[in-house]
Protein backbone atom coordinates (compact mmCIF):
# COMPACT_ATOMS: atom_id res chain seq x y z
CA MET A 1 -14.75 28.94 -0.16
CA GLU A 2 -16.65 25.93 1.27
CA THR A 3 -13.52 23.80 1.00
CA THR A 4 -11.53 26.34 3.02
CA LYS A 5 -14.26 26.42 5.64
CA TYR A 6 -14.26 22.64 6.08
CA LEU A 7 -10.46 22.53 6.15
CA LYS A 8 -10.32 25.15 8.92
CA ASN A 9 -12.96 23.23 10.87
CA PHE A 10 -10.97 20.01 10.48
CA LEU A 11 -7.72 21.66 11.64
CA ARG A 12 -9.56 23.09 14.64
CA TYR A 13 -10.18 19.57 15.92
CA LYS A 14 -6.85 18.02 14.91
CA TYR A 15 -5.78 17.56 18.55
CA LEU A 16 -8.97 15.64 19.32
CA LEU A 17 -8.38 13.52 16.22
CA TYR A 18 -4.88 12.74 17.46
CA GLU A 19 -6.19 11.74 20.90
CA LEU A 20 -8.91 9.54 19.41
CA ILE A 21 -6.35 7.76 17.23
CA LYS A 22 -4.18 7.09 20.30
CA LYS A 23 -7.22 5.84 22.19
CA HIS A 24 -8.16 3.41 19.41
CA ILE A 25 -4.66 1.96 19.24
CA LYS A 26 -4.40 1.58 23.03
CA LEU A 27 -7.83 -0.07 23.32
CA GLN A 28 -6.95 -2.49 20.58
CA TYR A 29 -4.21 -4.04 22.71
CA ARG A 30 -5.44 -3.45 26.26
CA ARG A 31 -4.96 -6.38 28.66
CA SER A 32 -2.41 -7.83 26.25
CA TYR A 33 1.05 -8.59 27.63
CA LEU A 34 2.72 -8.13 24.26
CA GLY A 35 0.71 -5.02 23.38
CA ILE A 36 1.46 -3.46 20.02
CA LEU A 37 4.03 -6.18 19.38
CA TRP A 38 1.05 -8.26 18.22
CA THR A 39 0.89 -5.93 15.22
CA LEU A 40 4.06 -7.67 14.07
CA LEU A 41 3.47 -11.15 15.42
CA GLU A 42 -0.11 -11.66 14.22
CA PRO A 43 0.57 -11.21 10.47
CA LEU A 44 3.78 -13.22 10.76
CA LEU A 45 2.04 -16.16 12.46
CA THR A 46 -0.90 -15.95 10.06
CA MET A 47 1.49 -15.98 7.10
CA MET A 48 3.23 -19.07 8.46
CA VAL A 49 -0.07 -20.94 8.87
CA LEU A 50 -1.41 -19.94 5.45
CA THR A 51 1.90 -20.78 3.79
CA LEU A 52 1.94 -24.17 5.48
CA VAL A 53 -1.61 -24.94 4.34
CA PHE A 54 -1.82 -23.33 0.91
CA GLY A 55 1.86 -23.48 -0.01
CA THR A 56 1.55 -27.26 -0.21
CA PHE A 57 -0.89 -26.84 -3.10
CA PHE A 58 0.18 -23.61 -4.78
CA GLY A 59 3.63 -22.50 -3.63
CA ARG A 60 5.92 -25.50 -3.98
CA ASP A 61 7.87 -24.00 -6.87
CA ASP A 62 7.84 -20.42 -5.56
CA PRO A 63 10.21 -19.73 -2.65
CA GLN A 64 8.72 -16.23 -2.34
CA PHE A 65 5.14 -17.49 -1.93
CA PRO A 66 5.05 -16.32 1.74
CA VAL A 67 5.54 -12.72 0.52
CA TYR A 68 2.67 -13.22 -1.93
CA ILE A 69 0.39 -14.34 0.89
CA LEU A 70 1.56 -11.75 3.42
CA SER A 71 1.19 -8.79 1.04
CA GLY A 72 -2.39 -9.74 0.18
CA ARG A 73 -3.28 -10.53 3.76
CA LEU A 74 -1.99 -7.21 5.14
CA LEU A 75 -3.86 -5.07 2.60
CA TYR A 76 -7.07 -7.04 3.06
CA GLN A 77 -6.77 -6.87 6.85
CA PHE A 78 -6.47 -3.08 6.77
CA PHE A 79 -9.53 -2.77 4.52
CA ALA A 80 -11.61 -5.14 6.66
CA SER A 81 -10.59 -3.73 10.05
CA GLY A 82 -10.72 -0.13 8.79
CA THR A 83 -14.24 -0.40 7.38
CA LYS A 84 -15.49 -2.28 10.44
CA GLY A 85 -13.95 0.33 12.72
CA GLY A 86 -15.53 3.13 10.71
CA LEU A 87 -18.86 1.30 10.69
CA LYS A 88 -19.01 1.16 14.51
CA SER A 89 -17.46 4.58 15.15
CA ILE A 90 -20.69 6.60 15.51
CA SER A 91 -22.69 4.09 17.54
CA SER A 92 -19.76 3.30 19.86
CA ASN A 93 -19.23 7.02 20.62
CA SER A 94 -22.92 7.79 21.11
CA SER A 95 -22.51 9.00 24.71
CA MET A 96 -19.86 11.55 23.71
CA ILE A 97 -21.83 12.68 20.66
CA LYS A 98 -24.86 13.38 22.87
CA LYS A 99 -22.86 15.46 25.35
CA VAL A 100 -20.30 17.44 23.34
CA TYR A 101 -20.39 18.96 19.88
CA VAL A 102 -17.65 17.60 17.67
CA PRO A 103 -17.85 17.11 13.89
CA LYS A 104 -19.14 13.55 13.74
CA TYR A 105 -16.91 12.54 10.85
CA ILE A 106 -13.94 12.90 13.23
CA TYR A 107 -14.90 9.60 14.86
CA VAL A 108 -14.95 7.77 11.52
CA VAL A 109 -11.68 9.32 10.38
CA ALA A 110 -9.98 8.48 13.70
CA ALA A 111 -11.11 4.84 13.56
CA ILE A 112 -9.79 4.34 10.03
CA ILE A 113 -6.51 6.24 10.53
CA SER A 114 -5.75 4.24 13.69
CA ASN A 115 -6.14 1.04 11.68
CA PHE A 116 -3.95 2.52 8.95
CA VAL A 117 -1.22 3.31 11.49
CA THR A 118 -1.36 -0.28 12.72
CA PHE A 119 -1.19 -1.47 9.12
CA LEU A 120 1.90 0.67 8.42
CA ILE A 121 3.63 -0.79 11.47
CA SER A 122 2.80 -4.32 10.29
CA LEU A 123 4.54 -3.61 6.97
CA VAL A 124 7.80 -3.99 8.92
CA VAL A 125 7.07 -7.73 8.88
CA LEU A 126 6.66 -7.67 5.11
CA VAL A 127 9.99 -5.91 4.70
CA GLY A 128 11.68 -8.42 6.99
CA VAL A 129 10.20 -11.47 5.27
CA GLY A 130 11.05 -9.99 1.87
CA ALA A 131 14.64 -9.48 2.93
CA VAL A 132 14.95 -13.05 4.26
CA LEU A 133 13.47 -14.49 1.04
CA LYS A 134 15.68 -12.21 -1.08
CA VAL A 135 12.97 -10.18 -2.81
CA LYS A 136 14.84 -7.66 -4.93
CA ILE A 137 14.30 -3.91 -4.72
CA THR A 138 13.67 -2.51 -8.21
CA PRO A 139 12.93 0.93 -9.69
CA TYR A 140 9.25 -0.03 -9.51
CA THR A 141 9.24 -0.73 -5.76
CA PRO A 142 8.35 2.88 -4.73
CA GLN A 143 5.20 2.60 -6.85
CA CYS A 144 3.71 0.49 -4.05
CA LEU A 145 2.73 3.77 -2.35
CA ILE A 146 0.15 4.46 -5.07
CA PRO A 147 -2.13 1.44 -4.45
CA LEU A 148 -1.75 2.04 -0.71
CA ALA A 149 -3.01 5.61 -1.11
CA ILE A 150 -5.91 4.41 -3.28
CA LEU A 151 -6.78 1.73 -0.74
CA PHE A 152 -6.79 4.31 2.07
CA VAL A 153 -9.22 6.58 0.18
CA PHE A 154 -11.40 3.60 -0.74
CA THR A 155 -11.51 2.41 2.87
CA MET A 156 -12.37 5.92 4.09
CA GLY A 157 -15.21 6.23 1.57
CA CYS A 158 -16.63 2.82 2.48
CA GLY A 159 -16.23 3.63 6.18
CA LEU A 160 -18.31 6.81 5.85
CA ILE A 161 -21.04 4.98 3.96
CA LEU A 162 -21.15 2.09 6.43
CA ALA A 163 -21.04 4.39 9.48
CA THR A 164 -24.09 6.26 8.17
CA LEU A 165 -26.06 3.12 7.30
CA ASN A 166 -25.22 1.44 10.62
CA VAL A 167 -26.83 4.27 12.60
CA PHE A 168 -30.20 3.53 11.00
CA PHE A 169 -29.85 -0.21 10.27
CA ARG A 170 -27.85 -2.11 12.90
CA ASP A 171 -27.94 -5.29 10.80
CA VAL A 172 -25.38 -3.66 8.50
CA GLU A 173 -22.61 -4.72 10.90
CA TYR A 174 -23.42 -8.42 10.50
CA ILE A 175 -24.04 -8.22 6.78
CA TRP A 176 -20.70 -6.47 6.24
CA SER A 177 -18.83 -9.15 8.20
CA VAL A 178 -20.14 -11.78 5.80
CA PHE A 179 -19.41 -9.55 2.82
CA CYS A 180 -15.81 -9.05 4.00
CA MET A 181 -15.35 -12.81 4.05
CA LEU A 182 -16.62 -12.97 0.46
CA ILE A 183 -14.21 -10.18 -0.55
CA MET A 184 -11.31 -12.02 1.08
CA TYR A 185 -11.88 -15.16 -0.99
CA ALA A 186 -12.32 -13.05 -4.14
CA SER A 187 -9.03 -11.19 -3.66
CA ALA A 188 -6.50 -13.97 -4.42
CA ILE A 189 -4.84 -13.69 -1.04
CA MET A 190 -4.07 -17.38 -0.59
CA TYR A 191 -4.06 -18.72 -4.15
CA PRO A 192 -2.43 -17.74 -7.47
CA VAL A 193 -4.49 -15.59 -9.81
CA ASP A 194 -3.77 -17.72 -12.89
CA ARG A 195 -5.51 -20.73 -11.32
CA VAL A 196 -8.81 -18.83 -11.30
CA ILE A 197 -8.30 -17.20 -14.69
CA ALA A 198 -7.72 -20.66 -16.20
CA THR A 199 -11.22 -21.70 -15.09
CA GLY A 200 -12.77 -18.73 -16.90
CA ASN A 201 -13.68 -16.89 -13.70
CA GLY A 202 -11.18 -14.06 -13.99
CA TRP A 203 -14.06 -11.58 -14.12
CA ILE A 204 -14.16 -11.83 -10.31
CA PHE A 205 -10.92 -9.84 -10.18
CA ASP A 206 -12.11 -7.28 -12.73
CA ILE A 207 -14.95 -6.15 -10.44
CA ASN A 208 -12.96 -6.16 -7.20
CA PRO A 209 -11.15 -2.86 -6.48
CA LEU A 210 -9.47 -4.37 -3.42
CA PHE A 211 -7.87 -7.07 -5.56
CA MET A 212 -6.73 -4.40 -8.02
CA CYS A 213 -4.87 -2.61 -5.22
CA ILE A 214 -3.36 -5.89 -4.01
CA ALA A 215 -2.30 -6.89 -7.54
CA ASN A 216 -0.60 -3.55 -8.20
CA PHE A 217 1.07 -3.64 -4.79
CA ARG A 218 2.47 -7.09 -5.55
CA ASP A 219 3.64 -5.98 -9.00
CA ALA A 220 5.63 -3.18 -7.36
CA ILE A 221 7.21 -5.02 -4.42
CA LEU A 222 7.31 -8.68 -5.48
CA TYR A 223 7.48 -8.89 -9.26
CA GLY A 224 9.35 -5.67 -9.97
CA LYS A 225 7.22 -4.63 -12.91
CA PRO A 226 4.95 -1.68 -13.83
CA MET A 227 1.48 -1.61 -12.34
CA ASP A 228 -1.55 -2.59 -14.39
CA ILE A 229 -2.85 0.76 -15.70
CA ASN A 230 -6.43 -0.49 -16.06
CA TYR A 231 -6.46 -1.73 -12.48
CA LEU A 232 -4.88 1.53 -11.35
CA LEU A 233 -7.46 3.74 -13.09
CA ILE A 234 -10.48 1.64 -12.14
CA SER A 235 -9.50 1.33 -8.48
CA ALA A 236 -8.69 5.06 -8.28
CA VAL A 237 -12.05 6.03 -9.80
CA VAL A 238 -13.94 3.66 -7.48
CA ALA A 239 -12.03 5.01 -4.48
CA VAL A 240 -12.78 8.65 -5.34
CA VAL A 241 -16.44 7.91 -6.10
CA SER A 242 -16.85 6.02 -2.81
CA MET A 243 -15.25 8.94 -0.96
CA ILE A 244 -17.59 11.47 -2.62
CA VAL A 245 -20.69 9.33 -2.05
CA GLY A 246 -19.67 8.58 1.54
CA SER A 247 -18.99 12.24 2.35
CA LEU A 248 -22.27 13.46 0.83
CA LEU A 249 -24.34 10.72 2.46
CA PHE A 250 -22.73 11.30 5.85
CA TYR A 251 -23.14 15.09 5.62
CA LYS A 252 -26.78 14.76 4.59
CA GLU A 253 -27.79 12.36 7.37
CA GLN A 254 -25.54 13.36 10.29
CA ASP A 255 -28.09 15.66 11.93
CA LYS A 256 -30.43 12.67 12.31
CA PHE A 257 -27.87 10.53 14.11
CA ILE A 258 -28.80 11.89 17.53
CA LEU A 259 -32.31 10.42 17.14
CA TYR A 260 -31.07 6.87 16.54
CA ILE A 261 -27.90 6.36 18.59
C-alpha cells in the first residue's frame, strides 16, 4: 500500500523531473560553443592522453588497451559526477525548496539521471573506439547492461546519503572529492589488475564495488567472457543496501532540511 502511494506521488511529479533533467544537462554545457558534443570529445581526448601516458608502461602488447582505459574511465566518471551532483542537489535548489512544495528526493534523482543520460551518450565513443580497434561482439556483450544497472542503483543510493549529510555538514562536499580521487586510483582504470594482484594488494579490488562493476563491464564488452559471479553478487548487494539506507536516511531527515539550507 505504501509502495503504491509513493509510486503515485512520483508519477505526479514526472513532468517536473523531466524538466529538471533537461535543466541540468543544459547548464552543464552553457556558454560552450560545442555544447553537448563535449560529452563525446572529453572522454575521447582523455582516453588519448591516458593511453599515451600509461600505455607506454602497461599497454605496449595490447592494441585494445585504449578500450580498457575508456571503459573504466566512463563508468568512474558517471559515479563521481553522479554522486557529486546528488550531493549538491538539495543545497543548490534551496530557494525553490523554500518557496514550492515538491518531494525533495526529486532534486537528487534529477541530478543523477541527468548525469546518467550524459554517460549513455558518451558510450557512443566507446562503441566507436571498440569498432576501430576491432573488439569483437560476443554472446556475453549484452551482459554489460547488468553492471550498468547495478552502478546506477549504487550511485543513486550514495547520492541520497551524501545529499542528506551535505545539508547538515557542508564539509562533506570537500571530503567526498578527495574520496573520489582515492576510489579512482583503486579502480584499475589506468593500469592492469594483475600488476596490483602480483604485489599482494588485490584485496583493494575485493572491497571496491565500483571496481567490481567496471571489471564485469570489461569482461562483457572487451574480453567476451562471463562476469565474475562473486563481484556481481557483492556489488548488487552493496548497491541495494546503499539504496535502502539512502532512502531511509533521506526520508527521516528531509523535514529538517528547511532549517539548514
